[in-house]
Amino acid sequence: MASLKATVRLWILYWPPLTSPVHNFPYITHTSFMRLFVGIALANPVIKELSSISLRLKSVGGGIRWTTPDTWHITLQFLGSASPEQYNCVVSQLNELRSSSILIELGKIEIRSRAGIVFARATPTPELLSLQHLIAVSTSVCGFLPQSRAYHPHITLGRIKGKAGAQLKTLLRNAIQQRTGSTGFVAEEYLLYESFPATTGSHYEIRKRFPLIPLCEPIPPADPAA
């Protein structure tokens, strides 16, 4: 009987399971640390367009580990390892954040040789930079320091394995279009993700969604009593 009671207590403590795509409850009570970041998911037309570009780039051959569409996103703030208390703090802080929906514009497909990544650049509009800054300030209350380097929004499409030769990079650059086209989308929410490392590349699960205010609606003033 004692064993059964202990099992029931553990079941309650760890529900909902970490493997679920989205938690039904906004706060975490288990004791393990999580690897978190805040980002914007891509709209379906953008995923379709980038999938077509990625497929064409794969024709250059090996030496590149390509990411999959289900992992594509625009990072707003990397948080890293977080305790349950920090997770709950982040959720509380971001629930209080007020910002409008944002038009996301895609730029060039590029190679960052030093970092070894192939990526689609997102235009750092004032609205996107403002949201990123607000999130960085909000999460700093929970013990996460804003990154000191400049924010460069992008979507990682592939990672170059090891020290790729100049020939591979030349072939890749020749296969890259100058622009992704005119496709853009309006981001109506941003997400809190948990990252799970794997040998085939990290996969991400959504932990919380935070809606943005539609562009046609005015942003309500902050509650002075909050």
C-alpha atoms as a PDB file:
ATOM      1  CA  MET A   1       0.000   0.000   0.000  1.00  0.00           C
ATOM      2  CA  ALA A   2       2.851   2.388   0.830  1.00  0.00           C
ATOM      3  CA  SER A   3       4.376   1.677  -2.580  1.00  0.00           C
ATOM      4  CA  LEU A   4       1.053   2.436  -4.300  1.00  0.00           C
ATOM      5  CA  LYS A   5       0.690   5.746  -2.449  1.00  0.00           C
ATOM      6  CA  ALA A   6       4.236   6.744  -3.443  1.00  0.00           C
ATOM      7  CA  THR A   7       3.477   5.918  -7.089  1.00  0.00           C
ATOM      8  CA  VAL A   8       0.316   8.047  -7.025  1.00  0.00           C
ATOM      9  CA  ARG A   9       2.229  10.968  -5.485  1.00  0.00           C
ATOM     10  CA  LEU A  10       4.884  10.753  -8.207  1.00  0.00           C
ATOM     11  CA  TRP A  11       2.211  10.540 -10.916  1.00  0.00           C
ATOM     12  CA  ILE A  12       0.608  13.762  -9.637  1.00  0.00           C
ATOM     13  CA  LEU A  13       3.976  15.506  -9.294  1.00  0.00           C
ATOM     14  CA  TYR A  14       5.065  14.756 -12.853  1.00  0.00           C
ATOM     15  CA  TRP A  15       1.766  15.326 -14.627  1.00  0.00           C
ATOM     16  CA  PRO A  16       1.505  16.522 -17.386  1.00  0.00           C
ATOM     17  CA  PRO A  17       4.372  14.456 -18.888  1.00  0.00           C
ATOM     18  CA  LEU A  18       7.353  16.292 -20.368  1.00  0.00           C
ATOM     19  CA  THR A  19       6.864  14.473 -23.662  1.00  0.00           C
ATOM     20  CA  SER A  20       3.534  16.194 -24.354  1.00  0.00           C
ATOM     21  CA  PRO A  21       3.705  18.850 -27.130  1.00  0.00           C
ATOM     22  CA  VAL A  22       2.062  21.522 -24.986  1.00  0.00           C
ATOM     23  CA  HIS A  23       1.437  21.509 -21.253  1.00  0.00           C
ATOM     24  CA  ASN A  24      -2.192  21.895 -20.217  1.00  0.00           C
ATOM     25  CA  PHE A  25      -1.108  23.845 -17.147  1.00  0.00           C
ATOM     26  CA  PRO A  26       0.922  27.079 -17.289  1.00  0.00           C
ATOM     27  CA  TYR A  27       3.262  26.290 -14.409  1.00  0.00           C
ATOM     28  CA  ILE A  28       5.801  23.522 -13.817  1.00  0.00           C
ATOM     29  CA  THR A  29       6.088  21.694 -10.490  1.00  0.00           C
ATOM     30  CA  HIS A  30       8.642  18.961 -11.247  1.00  0.00           C
ATOM     31  CA  THR A  31      12.233  19.283 -10.041  1.00  0.00           C
ATOM     32  CA  SER A  32      14.258  18.795 -13.242  1.00  0.00           C
ATOM     33  CA  PHE A  33      15.933  21.619 -15.140  1.00  0.00           C
ATOM     34  CA  MET A  34      14.864  22.547 -18.656  1.00  0.00           C
ATOM     35  CA  ARG A  35      16.675  24.125 -21.592  1.00  0.00           C
ATOM     36  CA  LEU A  36      14.474  26.998 -22.767  1.00  0.00           C
ATOM     37  CA  PHE A  37      14.265  29.652 -25.435  1.00  0.00           C
ATOM     38  CA  VAL A  38      11.643  32.085 -26.733  1.00  0.00           C
ATOM     39  CA  GLY A  39      10.904  32.236 -30.449  1.00  0.00           C
ATOM     40  CA  ILE A  40       8.471  32.810 -33.295  1.00  0.00           C
ATOM     41  CA  ALA A  41       7.141  29.868 -35.313  1.00  0.00           C
ATOM     42  CA  LEU A  42       6.915  30.195 -39.096  1.00  0.00           C
ATOM     43  CA  ALA A  43       3.719  30.440 -41.134  1.00  0.00           C
ATOM     44  CA  ASN A  44       2.939  27.539 -43.482  1.00  0.00           C
ATOM     45  CA  PRO A  45       3.618  29.468 -46.742  1.00  0.00           C
ATOM     46  CA  VAL A  46       7.080  30.384 -45.452  1.00  0.00           C
ATOM     47  CA  ILE A  47       7.789  26.784 -44.450  1.00  0.00           C
ATOM     48  CA  LYS A  48       6.719  25.635 -47.918  1.00  0.00           C
ATOM     49  CA  GLU A  49       8.973  28.184 -49.617  1.00  0.00           C
ATOM     50  CA  LEU A  50      11.993  27.450 -47.441  1.00  0.00           C
ATOM     51  CA  SER A  51      11.449  23.707 -47.890  1.00  0.00           C
ATOM     52  CA  SER A  52      11.706  24.164 -51.654  1.00  0.00           C
ATOM     53  CA  ILE A  53      14.900  26.210 -51.283  1.00  0.00           C
ATOM     54  CA  SER A  54      16.383  23.721 -48.817  1.00  0.00           C
ATOM     55  CA  LEU A  55      15.664  20.822 -51.180  1.00  0.00           C
ATOM     56  CA  ARG A  56      17.501  22.597 -53.977  1.00  0.00           C
ATOM     57  CA  LEU A  57      20.495  23.362 -51.751  1.00  0.00           C
ATOM     58  CA  LYS A  58      20.787  19.697 -50.744  1.00  0.00           C
ATOM     59  CA  SER A  59      21.824  18.937 -54.321  1.00  0.00           C
ATOM     60  CA  VAL A  60      25.318  20.308 -53.608  1.00  0.00           C
ATOM     61  CA  GLY A  61      26.185  17.059 -51.824  1.00  0.00           C
ATOM     62  CA  GLY A  62      27.210  15.985 -48.344  1.00  0.00           C
ATOM     63  CA  GLY A  63      29.036  17.848 -45.640  1.00  0.00           C
ATOM     64  CA  ILE A  64      25.959  19.660 -44.353  1.00  0.00           C
ATOM     65  CA  ARG A  65      23.455  18.530 -41.716  1.00  0.00           C
ATOM     66  CA  TRP A  66      20.175  20.040 -42.833  1.00  0.00           C
ATOM     67  CA  THR A  67      17.544  20.997 -40.283  1.00  0.00           C
ATOM     68  CA  THR A  68      13.942  19.876 -40.689  1.00  0.00           C
ATOM     69  CA  PRO A  69      10.934  22.179 -41.139  1.00  0.00           C
ATOM     70  CA  ASP A  70       9.466  21.214 -37.762  1.00  0.00           C
ATOM     71  CA  THR A  71      12.492  22.818 -36.068  1.00  0.00           C
ATOM     72  CA  TRP A  72      12.448  26.116 -37.993  1.00  0.00           C
ATOM     73  CA  HIS A  73      11.836  29.238 -35.941  1.00  0.00           C
ATOM     74  CA  ILE A  74      13.157  32.733 -35.271  1.00  0.00           C
ATOM     75  CA  THR A  75      14.801  32.909 -31.851  1.00  0.00           C
ATOM     76  CA  LEU A  76      13.898  35.947 -29.762  1.00  0.00           C
ATOM     77  CA  GLN A  77      15.747  35.094 -26.559  1.00  0.00           C
ATOM     78  CA  PHE A  78      17.864  32.071 -25.648  1.00  0.00           C
ATOM     79  CA  LEU A  79      17.439  31.354 -21.949  1.00  0.00           C
ATOM     80  CA  GLY A  80      19.385  28.124 -21.490  1.00  0.00           C
ATOM     81  CA  SER A  81      19.111  25.963 -18.386  1.00  0.00           C
ATOM     82  CA  ALA A  82      16.140  26.919 -16.211  1.00  0.00           C
ATOM     83  CA  SER A  83      14.900  25.666 -12.864  1.00  0.00           C
ATOM     84  CA  PRO A  84      11.172  25.114 -12.234  1.00  0.00           C
ATOM     85  CA  GLU A  85      11.105  28.408 -10.327  1.00  0.00           C
ATOM     86  CA  GLN A  86      12.702  30.246 -13.233  1.00  0.00           C
ATOM     87  CA  TYR A  87      10.285  28.627 -15.669  1.00  0.00           C
ATOM     88  CA  ASN A  88       7.325  29.815 -13.615  1.00  0.00           C
ATOM     89  CA  CYS A  89       8.877  33.284 -13.362  1.00  0.00           C
ATOM     90  CA  VAL A  90       9.349  33.487 -17.151  1.00  0.00           C
ATOM     91  CA  VAL A  91       5.743  32.447 -17.789  1.00  0.00           C
ATOM     92  CA  SER A  92       4.485  35.031 -15.299  1.00  0.00           C
ATOM     93  CA  GLN A  93       6.624  37.817 -16.751  1.00  0.00           C
ATOM     94  CA  LEU A  94       5.739  37.092 -20.374  1.00  0.00           C
ATOM     95  CA  ASN A  95       2.048  36.862 -19.516  1.00  0.00           C
ATOM     96  CA  GLU A  96       2.270  40.520 -18.476  1.00  0.00           C
ATOM     97  CA  LEU A  97       4.068  41.645 -21.645  1.00  0.00           C
ATOM     98  CA  ARG A  98       1.982  43.679 -24.133  1.00  0.00           C
ATOM     99  CA  SER A  99       3.062  44.024 -27.757  1.00  0.00           C
ATOM    100  CA  SER A 100       1.430  44.158 -31.191  1.00  0.00           C
ATOM    101  CA  SER A 101       1.555  41.547 -33.928  1.00  0.00           C
ATOM    102  CA  ILE A 102       4.628  41.865 -36.139  1.00  0.00           C
ATOM    103  CA  LEU A 103       5.167  41.658 -39.869  1.00  0.00           C
ATOM    104  CA  ILE A 104       8.070  39.259 -40.410  1.00  0.00           C
ATOM    105  CA  GLU A 105      10.017  39.902 -43.606  1.00  0.00           C
ATOM    106  CA  LEU A 106      12.487  37.363 -44.994  1.00  0.00           C
ATOM    107  CA  GLY A 107      15.807  38.405 -46.472  1.00  0.00           C
ATOM    108  CA  LYS A 108      18.680  36.573 -48.129  1.00  0.00           C
ATOM    109  CA  ILE A 109      19.815  32.986 -47.775  1.00  0.00           C
ATOM    110  CA  GLU A 110      23.378  33.235 -46.473  1.00  0.00           C
ATOM    111  CA  ILE A 111      26.327  31.231 -45.185  1.00  0.00           C
ATOM    112  CA  ARG A 112      28.051  32.213 -41.964  1.00  0.00           C
ATOM    113  CA  SER A 113      31.383  30.473 -42.410  1.00  0.00           C
ATOM    114  CA  ARG A 114      32.741  31.038 -38.910  1.00  0.00           C
ATOM    115  CA  ALA A 115      29.591  29.717 -37.235  1.00  0.00           C
ATOM    116  CA  GLY A 116      29.196  27.045 -39.927  1.00  0.00           C
ATOM    117  CA  ILE A 117      25.505  27.610 -40.619  1.00  0.00           C
ATOM    118  CA  VAL A 118      23.292  28.138 -43.645  1.00  0.00           C
ATOM    119  CA  PHE A 119      20.418  30.440 -42.757  1.00  0.00           C
ATOM    120  CA  ALA A 120      17.590  32.648 -44.000  1.00  0.00           C
ATOM    121  CA  ARG A 121      17.890  36.160 -42.678  1.00  0.00           C
ATOM    122  CA  ALA A 122      14.848  37.862 -41.152  1.00  0.00           C
ATOM    123  CA  THR A 123      14.717  41.632 -41.502  1.00  0.00           C
ATOM    124  CA  PRO A 124      15.417  43.275 -38.112  1.00  0.00           C
ATOM    125  CA  THR A 125      12.515  45.706 -38.271  1.00  0.00           C
ATOM    126  CA  PRO A 126      11.991  48.183 -35.402  1.00  0.00           C
ATOM    127  CA  GLU A 127       8.926  46.199 -34.307  1.00  0.00           C
ATOM    128  CA  LEU A 128      10.831  42.899 -34.161  1.00  0.00           C
ATOM    129  CA  LEU A 129      13.749  44.493 -32.320  1.00  0.00           C
ATOM    130  CA  SER A 130      11.352  46.091 -29.869  1.00  0.00           C
ATOM    131  CA  LEU A 131       9.675  42.761 -29.057  1.00  0.00           C
ATOM    132  CA  GLN A 132      13.048  41.070 -28.632  1.00  0.00           C
ATOM    133  CA  HIS A 133      14.147  43.834 -26.251  1.00  0.00           C
ATOM    134  CA  LEU A 134      10.941  43.627 -24.203  1.00  0.00           C
ATOM    135  CA  ILE A 135      11.335  39.867 -23.817  1.00  0.00           C
ATOM    136  CA  ALA A 136      15.001  40.211 -22.817  1.00  0.00           C
ATOM    137  CA  VAL A 137      14.105  42.800 -20.165  1.00  0.00           C
ATOM    138  CA  SER A 138      11.174  40.722 -18.867  1.00  0.00           C
ATOM    139  CA  THR A 139      13.179  37.501 -18.556  1.00  0.00           C
ATOM    140  CA  SER A 140      16.108  39.269 -16.886  1.00  0.00           C
ATOM    141  CA  VAL A 141      13.921  39.525 -13.781  1.00  0.00           C
ATOM    142  CA  CYS A 142      14.071  35.721 -13.633  1.00  0.00           C
ATOM    143  CA  GLY A 143      17.875  35.626 -13.636  1.00  0.00           C
ATOM    144  CA  PHE A 144      18.554  35.429 -17.396  1.00  0.00           C
ATOM    145  CA  LEU A 145      21.040  38.026 -18.597  1.00  0.00           C
ATOM    146  CA  PRO A 146      20.354  39.611 -22.009  1.00  0.00           C
ATOM    147  CA  GLN A 147      22.925  38.659 -24.632  1.00  0.00           C
ATOM    148  CA  SER A 148      25.646  41.268 -25.067  1.00  0.00           C
ATOM    149  CA  ARG A 149      26.036  40.681 -28.810  1.00  0.00           C
ATOM    150  CA  ALA A 150      23.793  42.321 -31.383  1.00  0.00           C
ATOM    151  CA  TYR A 151      20.548  40.557 -32.240  1.00  0.00           C
ATOM    152  CA  HIS A 152      20.466  39.083 -35.760  1.00  0.00           C
ATOM    153  CA  PRO A 153      17.140  37.314 -36.389  1.00  0.00           C
ATOM    154  CA  HIS A 154      17.418  34.323 -38.695  1.00  0.00           C
ATOM    155  CA  ILE A 155      16.189  30.802 -39.475  1.00  0.00           C
ATOM    156  CA  THR A 156      18.835  28.070 -39.409  1.00  0.00           C
ATOM    157  CA  LEU A 157      18.495  25.778 -42.439  1.00  0.00           C
ATOM    158  CA  GLY A 158      21.678  23.721 -42.102  1.00  0.00           C
ATOM    159  CA  ARG A 159      24.932  23.266 -40.227  1.00  0.00           C
ATOM    160  CA  ILE A 160      28.201  22.638 -42.041  1.00  0.00           C
ATOM    161  CA  LYS A 161      29.953  19.562 -40.641  1.00  0.00           C
ATOM    162  CA  GLY A 162      33.529  20.066 -39.489  1.00  0.00           C
ATOM    163  CA  LYS A 163      35.811  22.190 -41.650  1.00  0.00           C
ATOM    164  CA  ALA A 164      34.071  22.164 -45.000  1.00  0.00           C
ATOM    165  CA  GLY A 165      36.305  22.824 -47.971  1.00  0.00           C
ATOM    166  CA  ALA A 166      36.198  25.937 -50.085  1.00  0.00           C
ATOM    167  CA  GLN A 167      34.746  23.924 -52.981  1.00  0.00           C
ATOM    168  CA  LEU A 168      31.686  22.910 -50.965  1.00  0.00           C
ATOM    169  CA  LYS A 169      31.064  26.482 -49.856  1.00  0.00           C
ATOM    170  CA  THR A 170      31.452  27.710 -53.435  1.00  0.00           C
ATOM    171  CA  LEU A 171      28.956  25.126 -54.697  1.00  0.00           C
ATOM    172  CA  LEU A 172      26.568  26.085 -51.912  1.00  0.00           C
ATOM    173  CA  ARG A 173      26.822  29.787 -52.655  1.00  0.00           C
ATOM    174  CA  ASN A 174      26.195  29.124 -56.353  1.00  0.00           C
ATOM    175  CA  ALA A 175      23.015  27.225 -55.458  1.00  0.00           C
ATOM    176  CA  ILE A 176      21.683  29.947 -53.179  1.00  0.00           C
ATOM    177  CA  GLN A 177      19.124  32.401 -54.487  1.00  0.00           C
ATOM    178  CA  GLN A 178      19.755  36.058 -53.698  1.00  0.00           C
ATOM    179  CA  ARG A 179      16.414  36.319 -51.916  1.00  0.00           C
ATOM    180  CA  THR A 180      13.726  33.951 -50.708  1.00  0.00           C
ATOM    181  CA  GLY A 181      11.120  36.009 -52.543  1.00  0.00           C
ATOM    182  CA  SER A 182       8.437  38.326 -51.256  1.00  0.00           C
ATOM    183  CA  THR A 183       6.953  35.858 -48.772  1.00  0.00           C
ATOM    184  CA  GLY A 184       6.452  37.247 -45.307  1.00  0.00           C
ATOM    185  CA  PHE A 185       3.921  36.699 -42.574  1.00  0.00           C
ATOM    186  CA  VAL A 186       2.335  38.364 -39.580  1.00  0.00           C
ATOM    187  CA  ALA A 187       3.431  36.845 -36.276  1.00  0.00           C
ATOM    188  CA  GLU A 188       0.381  36.750 -34.026  1.00  0.00           C
ATOM    189  CA  GLU A 189       2.112  35.007 -31.137  1.00  0.00           C
ATOM    190  CA  TYR A 190       5.478  33.976 -29.778  1.00  0.00           C
ATOM    191  CA  LEU A 191       6.324  30.727 -28.024  1.00  0.00           C
ATOM    192  CA  LEU A 192       8.291  29.372 -25.095  1.00  0.00           C
ATOM    193  CA  TYR A 193      10.151  26.263 -26.272  1.00  0.00           C
ATOM    194  CA  GLU A 194      11.988  23.493 -24.475  1.00  0.00           C
ATOM    195  CA  SER A 195      14.987  22.081 -26.334  1.00  0.00           C
ATOM    196  CA  PHE A 196      16.017  18.416 -26.211  1.00  0.00           C
ATOM    197  CA  PRO A 197      19.514  17.593 -27.581  1.00  0.00           C
ATOM    198  CA  ALA A 198      19.860  14.512 -29.785  1.00  0.00           C
ATOM    199  CA  THR A 199      22.548  12.961 -31.979  1.00  0.00           C
ATOM    200  CA  THR A 200      20.523  13.886 -35.062  1.00  0.00           C
ATOM    201  CA  GLY A 201      20.028  17.469 -33.890  1.00  0.00           C
ATOM    202  CA  SER A 202      17.911  19.085 -31.198  1.00  0.00           C
ATOM    203  CA  HIS A 203      14.151  18.870 -31.269  1.00  0.00           C
ATOM    204  CA  TYR A 204      11.808  21.365 -29.650  1.00  0.00           C
ATOM    205  CA  GLU A 205       8.531  21.181 -27.799  1.00  0.00           C
ATOM    206  CA  ILE A 206       6.201  24.112 -27.124  1.00  0.00           C
ATOM    207  CA  ARG A 207       5.660  24.816 -23.457  1.00  0.00           C
ATOM    208  CA  LYS A 208       3.589  28.024 -23.608  1.00  0.00           C
ATOM    209  CA  ARG A 209       2.035  30.346 -26.193  1.00  0.00           C
ATOM    210  CA  PHE A 210       1.863  34.119 -25.756  1.00  0.00           C
ATOM    211  CA  PRO A 211      -0.537  35.957 -28.084  1.00  0.00           C
ATOM    212  CA  LEU A 212       0.344  39.302 -29.634  1.00  0.00           C
ATOM    213  CA  ILE A 213      -2.264  42.037 -29.984  1.00  0.00           C
ATOM    214  CA  PRO A 214      -3.741  42.282 -33.515  1.00  0.00           C
ATOM    215  CA  LEU A 215      -2.412  45.253 -35.445  1.00  0.00           C
ATOM    216  CA  CYS A 216      -5.879  46.788 -35.718  1.00  0.00           C
ATOM    217  CA  GLU A 217      -6.285  46.945 -31.921  1.00  0.00           C
ATOM    218  CA  PRO A 218      -4.638  49.527 -29.640  1.00  0.00           C
ATOM    219  CA  ILE A 219      -2.205  48.255 -27.002  1.00  0.00           C
ATOM    220  CA  PRO A 220      -3.864  48.589 -23.559  1.00  0.00           C
ATOM    221  CA  PRO A 221      -1.885  50.519 -20.937  1.00  0.00           C
ATOM    222  CA  ALA A 222      -0.053  48.541 -18.308  1.00  0.00           C
ATOM    223  CA  ASP A 223      -1.817  48.095 -14.981  1.00  0.00           C
ATOM    224  CA  PRO A 224      -0.171  50.604 -12.592  1.00  0.00           C
ATOM    225  CA  ALA A 225      -1.002  48.348  -9.661  1.00  0.00           C
ATOM    226  CA  ALA A 226       0.848  45.393 -11.197  1.00  0.00           C
END
